[in-house]
Structures are given as structure tokens and as C-alpha cells.
Amino acid sequence: MIYGVGEIGGAIAKFLLEKPGVSITGAVDIDKSKVGKDLGEILNIGYKTGIKISSNIDAVLSDAKADIAIHATTSYLRDVYPQICELVKWNLNVISTCEELSYPYISEPELASKLDKLAKKHSVAILGTGINPGFIMDTLVIALTSVCQKIDKINVVRVVDASKRRLSFQRKIGVGLTLKEFERAVTSQNITGHIGLKQSIAMIASALSWNLQEVQVKPIEPVISATPIEFGDYQILRGQVLGIKQQAIGVINGKESIRLEFQAYLGAEEYDAITIHGVPELRQKIQPCIHGDIGTVAIITNFIPKILSAPAGLLTMKDLPLPSAFFGETFRQFKSLKRKR
């Protein structure tokens, strides 16, 4: 079932409708403009699916059985915690796009412990993932460290051209604001920056058995236009905001050992770069960067078979088998595997 039929949840649902061996049995959303409408109408796919979007999860799941819920609502674990619990109590496995759920032990350890116990009680698995956090700035980094004999420091930089992303993303990073408007938006938390840097650092440190003493999330910095420019519907004046830069630092044994930097602004030269200082020294660059929305839809979908056969409990990407695409004929073979409690 689909829980949250927004831009990402809708894109995942549309992709799943094309996958052999998968049936969407229900869809939940609190948006009144969507409730009661056919999922196909909301996805604008040109045909009806027979699945009516409901705001009542109990009503949906009492009528239609499901093995797994794809959860895509918001970024903060405290906000989605009741939703995840409700799904688990219906004995559903859960894959969520919630950024804090990617490694919740760093920000919400008590809620993480409760979710783990609840998932084990109901013999299901919970995973928070996406392209970032979930892959580029943590899982891919962890995989690259496997060829290192020694690691002194890890640097990761992700640069995104915001002009290639959806309008809601552009608004989220303050595109077109004046500097004063940007500062007010940051103060009021209408602009929150990249959520997940802290979680990615904690996941890397845990995988390496490093004693993480502190995570310093630096203030969000605006990227300012030096000249008047035009990007699509935007007419940016000199001095207006093109996007953001943000850094986070993981302190190990009193020194900076992990540095993550996220940049997203109009006209950026895109890339994902991972540098591991050690033996050997590794420098990996993907250019252009992996597209955030496309990558998130793919990784959520590709992890369905892995979650169906994973141990019960609250899991992170470092706890699961090597990530990979799945092009099998059907997911049904995974349903018959016995889950270990």
C-alpha cells in the first residue's frame, strides 16, 4: 500500500504500477483534494486503477491485504512515528522516505528503540532510505571503505542544479528570495536545509565502529547571484538567492573525521564526490550527480524484495545486503522466505 501520495509517493506508485508481480492494494493520504478519488486520476496516468485514496488506514487495510507499505509523508521521525506504528500494528513491513528514519539512533534514540521492539513483536521490518540520506552520502561511502586498510578522514560533496528539480524543492531552498527574506525563512524554519546530514555521518561512523563524539551541523549558507540571470520562470536579480550550501562535521577522537557538504542552487555544475583519505586514498566522482527524485523512486522500489526477506526490526541501510537493482519477474518468491525474529 502507498501511504502518502505526494510528489515522491506518487512517483513511486506510478513506477510500481509498471512492475510485474506487484499489486497496489490501497492508498492513504490526508489531502482532502485527493481523498475519495481514484489513484490513477491523482497520478494522471490516463486510466483508473480501482484504488480509491482514503484518509483512514484502518478502512483501507481491513478491505485489502498488503505485505508492505511505502511511506512517503515528511522528514521528521517524531511526526511520522504514529503513522509508522499504525502500519506495523497491521503487520506491514515499511519502507519510508523519512530522512530521520534513515539512522534514527542519532536524533530520536527512544523512538527508534520503540519502533524496533514493535517491529519485532509483529515480525516485520522497517527501513528509512532514499537517495540522500540512504545512499550517496552514507551507503556508497561505507561500501568504498571496504578496500581501505586505514582511514584518516572522509569528505563527501553533493552538488545539485536546482533548476532540474521540482518547484517545491526550489522553494524549499529559497530560490528567488532576497538575503533578508532568506534569513527570516531560516529563522522561522521555513527553510531547513538538507535534512539527513547528521544521520549519514552517524551511519558511516557506526559502520566503521568509530566512536562518534559529536556531529556539528553548520548554519545554512545562501548562494547569492552575482549578476541578473533567468532560469525558466525565475528572473533572478543581482543579490538574490540561487540556493543553499550546508556542511556537517563528525568528530572522532577529538578531531574532524567526516565532513559532508550539500549544495543546491540554480545553474550548479552537478556532481557527487567522495574522498577517503587513507590507505589507499580514494577519489570517486559521479558527474552529473545522481538525480534525487529518480534515484529515490528506484532505491525504494529495489529494496522491496530485500525488506520482505530481511530480519524483523528497525533496520538501516548498513544492516542490509548489498544494494542492487531488481529486475526479477516477480516479488512473490520473497514472500515465502521465513523471516527471523
Protein backbone atom coordinates (compact mmCIF):
# COMPACT_ATOMS: atom_id res chain seq x y z
CA MET A 1 0.00 0.00 0.00
CA ILE A 2 1.01 3.61 -0.53
CA TYR A 3 0.97 5.93 2.48
CA GLY A 4 1.34 9.49 1.18
CA VAL A 5 0.54 10.26 -2.45
CA GLY A 6 2.55 13.46 -2.80
CA GLU A 7 5.22 14.09 -5.41
CA ILE A 8 7.58 11.32 -4.27
CA GLY A 9 4.91 8.89 -3.06
CA GLY A 10 3.02 9.43 -6.31
CA ALA A 11 6.13 8.83 -8.42
CA ILE A 12 6.81 5.60 -6.52
CA ALA A 13 3.20 4.47 -7.00
CA LYS A 14 3.35 5.21 -10.73
CA PHE A 15 6.55 3.17 -11.07
CA LEU A 16 5.15 0.26 -9.04
CA LEU A 17 2.10 0.08 -11.29
CA GLU A 18 4.50 -0.83 -14.10
CA LYS A 19 6.31 -3.56 -12.12
CA PRO A 20 5.33 -7.20 -12.78
CA GLY A 21 4.30 -9.19 -9.72
CA VAL A 22 3.32 -6.11 -7.69
CA SER A 23 -0.20 -5.03 -6.80
CA ILE A 24 -1.03 -1.76 -5.06
CA THR A 25 -3.91 -2.71 -2.77
CA GLY A 26 -4.57 0.64 -1.13
CA ALA A 27 -3.55 4.28 -0.85
CA VAL A 28 -3.73 6.70 2.07
CA ASP A 29 -3.39 10.48 2.09
CA ILE A 30 -4.78 13.23 4.34
CA ASP A 31 -5.09 15.77 1.50
CA LYS A 32 -8.84 16.38 1.17
CA SER A 33 -8.45 17.17 -2.52
CA LYS A 34 -7.24 13.58 -3.09
CA VAL A 35 -9.43 11.61 -0.70
CA GLY A 36 -12.13 9.61 -2.49
CA LYS A 37 -10.51 9.91 -5.91
CA ASP A 38 -9.07 7.07 -7.94
CA LEU A 39 -5.30 6.69 -7.60
CA GLY A 40 -4.95 6.77 -11.38
CA GLU A 41 -6.65 10.15 -11.55
CA ILE A 42 -4.27 11.65 -8.98
CA LEU A 43 -1.26 10.14 -10.75
CA ASN A 44 -2.55 11.42 -14.11
CA ILE A 45 -1.78 8.12 -15.85
CA GLY A 46 -4.78 8.10 -18.16
CA TYR A 47 -6.68 5.16 -16.63
CA LYS A 48 -8.42 4.19 -13.41
CA THR A 49 -6.78 1.72 -11.05
CA GLY A 50 -9.85 0.87 -8.98
CA ILE A 51 -7.98 2.07 -5.87
CA LYS A 52 -9.70 4.89 -4.02
CA ILE A 53 -7.48 7.13 -1.92
CA SER A 54 -8.60 7.17 1.71
CA SER A 55 -7.63 9.13 4.80
CA ASN A 56 -8.44 6.13 7.02
CA ILE A 57 -5.71 3.50 7.16
CA ASP A 58 -7.88 1.06 9.13
CA ALA A 59 -10.58 1.17 6.47
CA VAL A 60 -8.02 0.58 3.71
CA LEU A 61 -6.29 -2.36 5.38
CA SER A 62 -9.47 -4.03 6.61
CA ASP A 63 -10.61 -4.28 2.98
CA ALA A 64 -7.29 -5.06 1.27
CA LYS A 65 -4.35 -7.14 2.43
CA ALA A 66 -0.83 -5.83 1.89
CA ASP A 67 2.68 -7.14 2.58
CA ILE A 68 4.48 -3.82 2.67
CA ALA A 69 3.75 -0.12 2.97
CA ILE A 70 5.66 2.52 1.05
CA HIS A 71 5.56 5.52 3.36
CA ALA A 72 6.28 9.00 1.98
CA THR A 73 4.99 11.87 4.08
CA THR A 74 7.51 14.04 5.94
CA SER A 75 11.13 14.25 7.06
CA TYR A 76 10.97 14.14 10.85
CA LEU A 77 10.63 10.90 12.82
CA ARG A 78 8.62 12.45 15.64
CA ASP A 79 5.98 13.48 13.10
CA VAL A 80 5.81 10.12 11.30
CA TYR A 81 6.20 7.90 14.38
CA PRO A 82 2.41 7.40 14.89
CA GLN A 83 1.98 6.63 11.19
CA ILE A 84 4.76 4.01 11.21
CA CYS A 85 3.38 2.42 14.38
CA GLU A 86 -0.08 2.19 12.83
CA LEU A 87 1.31 0.41 9.78
CA VAL A 88 3.37 -2.02 11.85
CA LYS A 89 0.39 -2.90 14.02
CA TRP A 90 -1.29 -4.09 10.82
CA ASN A 91 1.71 -6.44 10.36
CA LEU A 92 3.08 -4.45 7.44
CA ASN A 93 6.72 -4.12 6.52
CA VAL A 94 7.57 -0.45 5.96
CA ILE A 95 9.97 1.39 3.67
CA SER A 96 9.88 5.11 4.35
CA THR A 97 11.38 8.21 2.76
CA CYS A 98 11.56 9.92 6.19
CA GLU A 99 15.10 11.31 6.34
CA GLU A 100 15.49 10.99 10.12
CA LEU A 101 14.40 7.34 9.95
CA SER A 102 17.48 6.54 7.83
CA TYR A 103 19.53 6.44 11.05
CA PRO A 104 17.21 7.47 13.90
CA TYR A 105 19.53 6.50 16.76
CA ILE A 106 21.38 9.83 16.49
CA SER A 107 18.33 12.09 16.78
CA GLU A 108 15.49 10.03 18.31
CA PRO A 109 17.01 7.03 20.14
CA GLU A 110 13.93 6.39 22.33
CA LEU A 111 11.54 6.34 19.38
CA ALA A 112 13.99 4.16 17.45
CA SER A 113 14.07 1.63 20.30
CA LYS A 114 10.27 1.56 20.49
CA LEU A 115 9.95 1.03 16.74
CA ASP A 116 12.49 -1.79 16.82
CA LYS A 117 10.60 -3.58 19.60
CA LEU A 118 7.25 -3.08 17.89
CA ALA A 119 8.55 -4.35 14.54
CA LYS A 120 10.00 -7.48 16.16
CA LYS A 121 6.76 -8.07 18.03
CA HIS A 122 4.86 -8.06 14.72
CA SER A 123 7.64 -9.87 12.80
CA VAL A 124 8.09 -7.12 10.22
CA ALA A 125 10.96 -4.89 9.09
CA ILE A 126 11.17 -1.08 8.94
CA LEU A 127 13.64 0.84 6.78
CA GLY A 128 14.16 4.54 6.12
CA THR A 129 16.03 5.23 2.90
CA GLY A 130 16.27 7.32 -0.25
CA ILE A 131 18.96 8.71 -2.46
CA ASN A 132 20.24 11.04 0.26
CA PRO A 133 20.26 10.13 3.07
CA GLY A 134 20.22 6.44 2.28
CA PHE A 135 22.78 6.03 -0.47
CA ILE A 136 25.11 8.72 -1.82
CA MET A 137 26.46 10.27 1.36
CA ASP A 138 26.41 7.13 3.51
CA THR A 139 25.83 3.66 1.98
CA LEU A 140 28.04 4.30 -1.06
CA VAL A 141 30.72 5.76 1.24
CA ILE A 142 30.56 2.71 3.51
CA ALA A 143 30.95 0.37 0.51
CA LEU A 144 34.04 2.24 -0.71
CA THR A 145 35.73 1.96 2.70
CA SER A 146 35.80 -1.83 2.30
CA VAL A 147 39.00 -1.60 0.22
CA CYS A 148 40.82 0.59 2.75
CA GLN A 149 43.43 -0.61 5.22
CA LYS A 150 43.45 2.72 7.04
CA ILE A 151 41.12 5.74 7.05
CA ASP A 152 42.09 9.16 8.38
CA LYS A 153 39.25 11.30 7.07
CA ILE A 154 36.20 11.15 4.81
CA ASN A 155 34.90 14.04 2.70
CA VAL A 156 31.68 13.90 0.67
CA VAL A 157 30.29 16.69 -1.53
CA ARG A 158 26.95 16.59 -3.36
CA VAL A 159 26.14 19.43 -5.76
CA VAL A 160 22.68 19.67 -7.34
CA ASP A 161 21.45 22.01 -10.08
CA ALA A 162 18.15 23.15 -8.57
CA SER A 163 16.84 24.22 -11.99
CA LYS A 164 16.47 20.50 -12.81
CA ARG A 165 14.43 19.76 -9.69
CA ARG A 166 10.74 20.21 -8.92
CA LEU A 167 9.31 23.62 -7.93
CA SER A 168 8.69 22.58 -4.32
CA PHE A 169 12.40 21.76 -3.95
CA GLN A 170 13.36 25.15 -5.37
CA ARG A 171 11.10 26.90 -2.89
CA LYS A 172 12.50 24.78 -0.09
CA ILE A 173 16.00 26.18 -0.73
CA GLY A 174 14.88 29.79 -1.07
CA VAL A 175 15.34 30.36 -4.79
CA GLY A 176 14.50 33.98 -5.72
CA LEU A 177 14.43 35.38 -2.18
CA THR A 178 16.33 38.45 -1.08
CA LEU A 179 19.02 37.90 1.53
CA LYS A 180 16.81 39.34 4.29
CA GLU A 181 13.88 37.16 3.20
CA PHE A 182 16.18 34.14 3.20
CA GLU A 183 17.45 34.91 6.71
CA ARG A 184 13.88 35.28 8.01
CA ALA A 185 12.89 31.99 6.35
CA VAL A 186 15.81 30.19 8.02
CA THR A 187 14.96 31.71 11.41
CA SER A 188 11.31 30.66 11.09
CA GLN A 189 12.43 27.21 9.82
CA ASN A 190 10.57 27.62 6.54
CA ILE A 191 13.99 26.83 5.07
CA THR A 192 15.54 23.91 6.95
CA GLY A 193 18.39 22.98 4.65
CA HIS A 194 19.29 19.39 3.93
CA ILE A 195 17.79 17.01 6.48
CA GLY A 196 19.87 13.88 6.91
CA LEU A 197 23.49 15.03 7.15
CA LYS A 198 23.60 14.12 10.83
CA GLN A 199 22.07 10.70 10.13
CA SER A 200 24.53 9.96 7.31
CA ILE A 201 27.53 10.82 9.48
CA ALA A 202 26.24 8.62 12.30
CA MET A 203 25.65 5.69 9.94
CA ILE A 204 29.17 5.92 8.50
CA ALA A 205 30.73 6.12 11.97
CA SER A 206 28.70 3.15 13.19
CA ALA A 207 29.67 1.03 10.17
CA LEU A 208 33.35 1.78 10.82
CA SER A 209 33.00 1.21 14.59
CA TRP A 210 34.20 4.76 15.16
CA ASN A 211 33.32 6.43 18.45
CA LEU A 212 31.30 9.40 17.25
CA GLN A 213 31.67 12.15 19.83
CA GLU A 214 29.80 14.96 18.15
CA VAL A 215 28.04 15.99 14.95
CA GLN A 216 28.30 19.69 14.12
CA VAL A 217 25.65 20.79 11.61
CA LYS A 218 26.79 24.16 10.29
CA PRO A 219 24.36 27.05 9.60
CA ILE A 220 22.73 27.12 6.18
CA GLU A 221 24.50 29.49 3.79
CA PRO A 222 22.76 31.18 0.85
CA VAL A 223 24.26 31.08 -2.63
CA ILE A 224 23.86 34.63 -3.97
CA SER A 225 23.61 35.65 -7.63
CA ALA A 226 26.44 37.95 -8.69
CA THR A 227 24.60 39.04 -11.86
CA PRO A 228 20.97 39.14 -13.08
CA ILE A 229 20.04 35.78 -14.63
CA GLU A 230 16.99 33.95 -15.98
CA PHE A 231 16.13 30.33 -15.20
CA GLY A 232 12.78 29.15 -16.50
CA ASP A 233 10.10 31.06 -14.59
CA TYR A 234 12.70 32.75 -12.41
CA GLN A 235 14.16 36.19 -13.08
CA ILE A 236 16.91 36.45 -10.50
CA LEU A 237 18.28 39.88 -9.70
CA ARG A 238 21.81 40.55 -8.57
CA GLY A 239 21.97 39.83 -4.82
CA GLN A 240 19.04 37.39 -4.77
CA VAL A 241 19.27 33.77 -3.61
CA LEU A 242 20.06 30.95 -6.04
CA GLY A 243 20.02 28.18 -3.41
CA ILE A 244 21.96 26.89 -0.43
CA LYS A 245 25.19 25.38 0.87
CA GLN A 246 25.39 23.37 4.07
CA GLN A 247 28.02 21.32 5.89
CA ALA A 248 28.12 18.86 8.76
CA ILE A 249 31.17 17.51 10.58
CA GLY A 250 31.60 14.30 12.53
CA VAL A 251 34.12 14.49 15.36
CA ILE A 252 36.01 11.29 16.22
CA ASN A 253 38.66 11.21 18.96
CA GLY A 254 38.61 14.99 19.18
CA LYS A 255 39.22 15.68 15.50
CA GLU A 256 37.20 16.19 12.33
CA SER A 257 36.93 12.80 10.67
CA ILE A 258 33.83 13.02 8.49
CA ARG A 259 32.76 16.12 6.54
CA LEU A 260 29.63 16.17 4.40
CA GLU A 261 28.73 19.13 2.20
CA PHE A 262 25.47 19.64 0.34
CA GLN A 263 24.98 22.34 -2.29
CA ALA A 264 21.82 23.00 -4.30
CA TYR A 265 21.37 26.11 -6.41
CA LEU A 266 20.30 27.24 -9.86
CA GLY A 267 22.93 26.60 -12.52
CA ALA A 268 25.24 24.47 -10.34
CA GLU A 269 27.69 22.12 -12.06
CA GLU A 270 26.38 18.84 -10.72
CA TYR A 271 28.46 16.06 -9.19
CA ASP A 272 28.73 13.63 -6.27
CA ALA A 273 32.27 13.36 -4.93
CA ILE A 274 33.63 11.02 -2.25
CA THR A 275 37.20 11.36 -0.99
CA ILE A 276 38.63 8.90 1.52
CA HIS A 277 41.98 9.95 2.93
CA GLY A 278 43.84 6.85 3.99
CA VAL A 279 45.50 3.73 2.60
CA PRO A 280 44.79 3.68 -0.25
CA GLU A 281 43.49 7.18 -0.90
CA LEU A 282 40.25 7.06 -2.88
CA ARG A 283 38.67 9.77 -5.00
CA GLN A 284 35.35 8.90 -6.58
CA LYS A 285 33.32 11.38 -8.63
CA ILE A 286 29.96 10.86 -10.33
CA GLN A 287 29.10 13.57 -12.83
CA PRO A 288 26.42 14.75 -13.20
CA CYS A 289 25.11 13.88 -9.77
CA ILE A 290 22.54 11.12 -9.33
CA HIS A 291 19.09 12.63 -9.84
CA GLY A 292 17.43 12.81 -6.43
CA ASP A 293 13.81 12.00 -7.32
CA ILE A 294 14.59 9.32 -9.90
CA GLY A 295 17.13 7.70 -7.59
CA THR A 296 14.78 7.76 -4.61
CA VAL A 297 11.97 6.07 -6.55
CA ALA A 298 14.41 3.40 -7.72
CA ILE A 299 16.03 2.65 -4.38
CA ILE A 300 12.69 2.45 -2.56
CA THR A 301 11.33 0.01 -5.15
CA ASN A 302 14.51 -2.07 -5.42
CA PHE A 303 14.53 -2.64 -1.66
CA ILE A 304 11.07 -4.19 -1.53
CA PRO A 305 12.36 -7.78 -2.02
CA LYS A 306 15.22 -7.18 0.41
CA ILE A 307 12.87 -5.96 3.14
CA LEU A 308 10.43 -8.83 2.61
CA SER A 309 13.22 -11.30 3.40
CA ALA A 310 15.11 -9.21 5.99
CA PRO A 311 15.20 -9.89 9.75
CA ALA A 312 12.43 -8.29 11.77
CA GLY A 313 13.11 -4.97 13.44
CA LEU A 314 14.14 -1.40 12.68
CA LEU A 315 16.90 -1.62 10.07
CA THR A 316 19.26 0.80 8.36
CA MET A 317 20.99 0.53 5.01
CA LYS A 318 24.20 -0.70 6.64
CA ASP A 319 22.29 -3.67 8.12
CA LEU A 320 21.04 -4.99 4.78
CA PRO A 321 22.60 -6.91 1.85
CA LEU A 322 24.48 -5.02 -0.83
CA PRO A 323 22.11 -2.62 -2.64
CA SER A 324 21.22 -3.56 -6.18
CA ALA A 325 18.55 -3.09 -8.81
CA PHE A 326 15.93 -5.82 -9.01
CA PHE A 327 14.68 -6.89 -12.43
CA GLY A 328 13.09 -10.23 -11.50
CA GLU A 329 9.81 -11.37 -12.95
CA THR A 330 8.02 -11.21 -9.64
CA PHE A 331 8.42 -10.31 -5.98
CA ARG A 332 6.29 -13.25 -4.87
CA GLN A 333 9.29 -15.53 -4.35
CA PHE A 334 10.42 -13.35 -1.46
CA LYS A 335 7.13 -13.62 0.39
CA SER A 336 7.69 -17.31 1.04
CA LEU A 337 11.01 -16.77 2.81
CA LYS A 338 10.88 -17.27 6.57
CA ARG A 339 11.74 -14.12 8.49
CA LYS A 340 14.00 -14.41 11.51
CA ARG A 341 12.78 -12.67 14.63
